[in-house]
Amino acid sequence: MYKRRKPYDLSYTHFVGSWAWLLHRLSGLALIFYLCLHVWVIHTLTLGPESFNRLMAFLTSPLFRILEAGLWGVILYHAFNGVRVIVVDFFGGSLSHKKLFLVLIAVAFLLWAAGSAVIIGHIH
């Protein structure tokens, strides 16, 4: 078990659960931002096909392909950490939450690498 060296040492560096919680919240905020952006892009369909096609040409640039790979990573992290939270909360996994976190994040990373290769492979 980890013991704090000082009574005021409140850093996140030694607490896997704290980092997982913080990153889960940040990834959730990023997904909310993406959802708003997605709704705005779909809204441009109401402005006519020319404006939508212009916007889609901009959004298929190499920069946005790289951002899509990042979005894929955020989705995977949020989903796999959500599975970890469910296992810890409902199935008594609190004793092994660190190992479960590492295993699920490793699986998410492998899926991210495979998916990112496909996404970035479509850059022209």
Protein backbone atom coordinates (compact mmCIF):
# COMPACT_ATOMS: atom_id res chain seq x y z
CA MET A 1 0.00 0.00 0.00
CA TYR A 2 1.22 3.48 -0.79
CA LYS A 3 1.94 5.78 2.13
CA ARG A 4 2.23 9.48 1.64
CA ARG A 5 5.60 10.87 2.60
CA LYS A 6 4.20 14.20 3.68
CA PRO A 7 0.76 15.02 5.03
CA TYR A 8 0.30 17.62 2.29
CA ASP A 9 1.34 15.40 -0.65
CA LEU A 10 -1.84 15.42 -2.69
CA SER A 11 -0.31 14.67 -6.07
CA TYR A 12 -1.97 12.28 -8.48
CA THR A 13 1.29 10.59 -9.38
CA HIS A 14 0.85 7.51 -7.20
CA PHE A 15 -2.87 6.91 -7.55
CA VAL A 16 -3.98 5.01 -10.66
CA GLY A 17 -7.63 5.46 -9.75
CA SER A 18 -7.24 9.23 -9.47
CA TRP A 19 -5.62 9.48 -12.89
CA ALA A 20 -8.27 7.18 -14.36
CA TRP A 21 -11.02 9.36 -12.88
CA LEU A 22 -9.45 12.59 -14.13
CA LEU A 23 -8.85 11.27 -17.64
CA HIS A 24 -12.36 9.80 -17.74
CA ARG A 25 -13.85 13.21 -16.98
CA LEU A 26 -11.65 14.97 -19.54
CA SER A 27 -12.42 12.40 -22.21
CA GLY A 28 -16.13 12.83 -21.47
CA LEU A 29 -15.82 16.58 -21.95
CA ALA A 30 -13.94 16.02 -25.21
CA LEU A 31 -16.72 13.72 -26.43
CA ILE A 32 -19.37 16.32 -25.56
CA PHE A 33 -17.39 18.91 -27.53
CA TYR A 34 -17.16 16.51 -30.48
CA LEU A 35 -20.89 15.80 -30.31
CA CYS A 36 -21.66 19.54 -30.53
CA LEU A 37 -19.26 19.89 -33.45
CA HIS A 38 -20.86 16.88 -35.16
CA VAL A 39 -24.35 18.37 -34.79
CA TRP A 40 -23.09 21.66 -36.25
CA VAL A 41 -21.56 19.85 -39.25
CA ILE A 42 -24.81 17.98 -39.88
CA HIS A 43 -26.65 21.29 -39.56
CA THR A 44 -24.76 22.60 -42.60
CA LEU A 45 -26.84 20.19 -44.70
CA THR A 46 -29.72 22.61 -44.21
CA LEU A 47 -27.64 25.39 -45.79
CA GLY A 48 -27.41 23.61 -49.12
CA PRO A 49 -25.17 21.06 -50.76
CA GLU A 50 -22.50 23.59 -51.76
CA SER A 51 -21.77 24.68 -48.20
CA PHE A 52 -21.85 21.11 -46.92
CA ASN A 53 -19.45 19.93 -49.65
CA ARG A 54 -17.10 22.84 -48.90
CA LEU A 55 -17.10 21.97 -45.22
CA MET A 56 -16.56 18.27 -45.92
CA ALA A 57 -13.62 19.07 -48.20
CA PHE A 58 -12.10 21.04 -45.32
CA LEU A 59 -12.80 18.30 -42.78
CA THR A 60 -11.15 15.60 -44.89
CA SER A 61 -7.78 17.37 -44.77
CA PRO A 62 -4.80 15.49 -43.28
CA LEU A 63 -4.98 17.52 -40.06
CA PHE A 64 -8.53 16.36 -39.41
CA ARG A 65 -7.60 12.75 -40.18
CA ILE A 66 -5.02 12.94 -37.42
CA LEU A 67 -7.61 14.52 -35.13
CA GLU A 68 -9.97 11.63 -36.00
CA ALA A 69 -7.29 9.20 -34.83
CA GLY A 70 -7.16 11.16 -31.57
CA LEU A 71 -10.95 11.04 -31.32
CA TRP A 72 -10.78 7.27 -31.79
CA GLY A 73 -8.36 7.11 -28.85
CA VAL A 74 -10.62 9.25 -26.66
CA ILE A 75 -13.63 7.05 -27.48
CA LEU A 76 -11.70 3.87 -26.69
CA TYR A 77 -10.30 5.23 -23.41
CA HIS A 78 -13.69 6.45 -22.26
CA ALA A 79 -15.41 3.19 -23.20
CA PHE A 80 -12.83 0.84 -21.68
CA ASN A 81 -12.47 2.89 -18.51
CA GLY A 82 -16.27 2.88 -18.28
CA VAL A 83 -16.18 -0.91 -18.39
CA ARG A 84 -13.60 -0.83 -15.59
CA VAL A 85 -15.81 1.45 -13.51
CA ILE A 86 -18.78 -0.91 -13.96
CA VAL A 87 -16.69 -3.94 -12.97
CA VAL A 88 -15.31 -2.16 -9.90
CA ASP A 89 -18.68 -0.79 -8.79
CA PHE A 90 -20.98 -3.74 -9.47
CA PHE A 91 -18.82 -6.85 -9.50
CA GLY A 92 -16.42 -6.34 -6.60
CA GLY A 93 -13.37 -5.56 -8.69
CA SER A 94 -12.03 -2.90 -6.35
CA LEU A 95 -9.17 -5.08 -5.15
CA SER A 96 -7.82 -5.52 -8.67
CA HIS A 97 -8.79 -2.20 -10.24
CA LYS A 98 -5.19 -1.25 -11.06
CA LYS A 99 -4.52 -4.48 -12.94
CA LEU A 100 -7.88 -4.22 -14.67
CA PHE A 101 -7.08 -0.64 -15.67
CA LEU A 102 -3.74 -1.64 -17.18
CA VAL A 103 -5.21 -4.61 -19.07
CA LEU A 104 -8.15 -2.65 -20.48
CA ILE A 105 -5.97 0.30 -21.45
CA ALA A 106 -3.52 -2.06 -23.16
CA VAL A 107 -6.40 -3.56 -25.17
CA ALA A 108 -7.69 -0.06 -25.96
CA PHE A 109 -4.21 0.98 -27.10
CA LEU A 110 -3.95 -2.00 -29.45
CA LEU A 111 -7.36 -1.21 -30.92
CA TRP A 112 -6.36 2.45 -31.21
CA ALA A 113 -3.17 1.57 -33.08
CA ALA A 114 -5.06 -0.65 -35.52
CA GLY A 115 -7.86 1.87 -36.06
CA SER A 116 -5.47 4.79 -36.38
CA ALA A 117 -3.52 2.95 -39.07
CA VAL A 118 -6.73 2.63 -41.06
CA ILE A 119 -7.78 6.26 -40.46
CA ILE A 120 -4.39 7.74 -41.29
CA GLY A 121 -4.06 5.36 -44.24
CA HIS A 122 -6.91 7.22 -45.94
CA ILE A 123 -4.96 10.50 -46.07
CA HIS A 124 -4.50 11.60 -49.67
